[in-house]
Protein backbone atom coordinates (compact mmCIF):
# COMPACT_ATOMS: atom_id res chain seq x y z
CA MET A 1 18.83 65.78 -5.58
CA ALA A 2 20.06 62.38 -4.50
CA PHE A 3 20.19 59.41 -6.82
CA THR A 4 17.77 56.59 -5.99
CA PRO A 5 18.59 53.15 -7.46
CA ILE A 6 15.84 51.72 -9.64
CA GLN A 7 15.88 48.54 -7.52
CA LYS A 8 14.30 50.62 -4.73
CA LEU A 9 11.87 52.49 -6.97
CA ILE A 10 10.21 49.49 -8.65
CA PRO A 11 8.97 47.78 -5.46
CA ARG A 12 7.58 51.11 -4.22
CA ALA A 13 5.80 51.74 -7.51
CA LEU A 14 4.34 48.23 -7.58
CA LYS A 15 3.06 48.62 -4.03
CA LYS A 16 1.57 52.03 -4.82
CA LEU A 17 -0.24 50.49 -7.80
CA GLY A 18 -1.49 47.64 -5.62
CA VAL A 19 0.16 44.88 -7.67
CA ASP A 20 3.16 44.09 -5.49
CA GLN A 21 1.86 40.65 -4.44
CA GLU A 22 1.04 39.72 -8.06
CA ALA A 23 4.51 40.85 -9.15
CA LYS A 24 6.13 38.79 -6.38
CA ALA A 25 4.12 35.72 -7.43
CA ALA A 26 5.09 36.16 -11.09
CA LEU A 27 8.74 36.52 -10.09
CA ILE A 28 8.68 33.31 -8.05
CA CYS A 29 7.01 31.37 -10.90
CA GLU A 30 9.59 32.68 -13.34
CA ARG A 31 12.46 31.75 -10.99
CA TYR A 32 11.05 28.23 -10.80
CA ARG A 33 10.98 28.00 -14.61
CA ARG A 34 14.63 29.08 -14.73
CA CYS A 35 15.88 26.89 -11.87
CA ALA A 36 13.89 23.70 -12.43
CA PRO A 37 15.81 22.50 -15.52
CA ARG A 38 18.97 22.31 -13.39
CA ILE A 39 17.23 20.14 -10.79
CA VAL A 40 14.60 17.92 -12.42
CA HIS A 41 14.63 15.84 -15.59
CA ALA A 42 13.29 17.43 -18.79
CA ASP A 43 10.49 14.86 -18.94
CA VAL A 44 9.16 16.10 -15.61
CA LEU A 45 9.16 19.68 -16.88
CA GLU A 46 7.10 18.70 -19.93
CA HIS A 47 4.38 17.40 -17.61
CA SER A 48 4.45 20.00 -14.81
CA PHE A 49 4.15 23.78 -14.51
CA PRO A 50 4.02 26.52 -11.85
CA ARG A 51 0.37 27.35 -11.06
CA TYR A 52 0.63 30.11 -8.50
CA PHE A 53 2.48 31.50 -5.50
CA LYS A 54 0.49 32.45 -2.42
CA ASN A 55 1.26 32.78 1.32
CA GLY A 56 4.81 31.50 0.93
CA THR A 57 3.82 28.40 -1.04
CA LEU A 58 4.68 27.80 -4.70
CA MET A 59 2.06 25.43 -6.14
CA ILE A 60 3.21 23.26 -9.02
CA GLY A 61 0.66 21.53 -11.22
CA ALA A 62 1.46 18.09 -12.60
CA GLU A 63 -0.43 16.03 -15.15
CA ASN A 64 -0.51 12.92 -12.91
CA SER A 65 0.66 11.74 -9.53
CA ALA A 66 3.92 10.26 -10.83
CA TRP A 67 5.05 13.67 -12.18
CA ALA A 68 3.89 15.34 -8.96
CA GLN A 69 5.96 12.86 -6.92
CA GLU A 70 9.06 13.68 -8.97
CA ILE A 71 8.66 17.36 -8.12
CA THR A 72 7.95 16.58 -4.45
CA MET A 73 11.14 14.50 -4.17
CA LYS A 74 13.19 17.45 -5.44
CA ALA A 75 11.29 20.19 -3.65
CA HIS A 76 14.05 20.91 -1.10
CA LEU A 77 16.64 21.31 -3.87
CA LEU A 78 14.29 23.51 -5.88
CA LEU A 79 13.69 25.71 -2.83
CA GLU A 80 17.43 26.12 -2.24
CA GLU A 81 18.01 27.05 -5.88
CA ILE A 82 15.13 29.54 -6.05
CA ARG A 83 16.19 31.19 -2.78
CA ARG A 84 19.79 31.42 -3.98
CA GLU A 85 18.76 33.66 -6.87
CA GLU A 86 18.85 37.20 -5.51
CA THR A 87 18.23 35.90 -1.99
CA ILE A 88 14.50 35.33 -2.21
CA LYS A 89 13.45 34.43 1.33
CA TYR A 90 9.68 34.68 1.18
CA ILE A 91 9.14 31.28 -0.47
CA LYS A 92 8.59 28.72 2.31
CA GLN A 93 7.52 25.57 0.51
CA ILE A 94 6.74 23.91 -2.79
CA ARG A 95 3.63 21.82 -3.06
CA THR A 96 2.20 19.86 -5.99
CA THR A 97 -1.27 19.16 -7.25
CA VAL A 98 -2.50 16.92 -10.02
CA THR A 99 -4.24 19.06 -12.61
CA ALA A 100 -4.57 19.37 -16.36
CA ARG A 101 -2.59 22.04 -18.12
CA LYS A 102 -4.86 24.76 -19.47
CA ALA A 103 -4.65 25.69 -23.12
CA GLY A 104 -3.06 29.01 -24.02
CA PRO A 105 -0.11 30.89 -22.52
CA GLN A 106 1.09 29.65 -19.15
CA PRO A 107 1.57 32.07 -16.22
């Protein structure tokens, strides 16, 4: 019996369970959380958060338009950094929206 690396098994299992897109979205949001502190000021991170990833777009929520603008100005650098981690290619753009942060654990 041949050895199959776990890196190949997990995506197959997620797809079989029908949660591969949700897992991909969660991975992108987590990569943003890890990469963003190297790109944007800590104040910006206190007032913004990843909302969701869908159809190649990572949507970042910001508490007001000034925080959203800060993210928008650094979007190209954030994209480069996120893509660099394990060569994620399926993220095409980062967009922002002004929205209140919901209470409770963040996605």
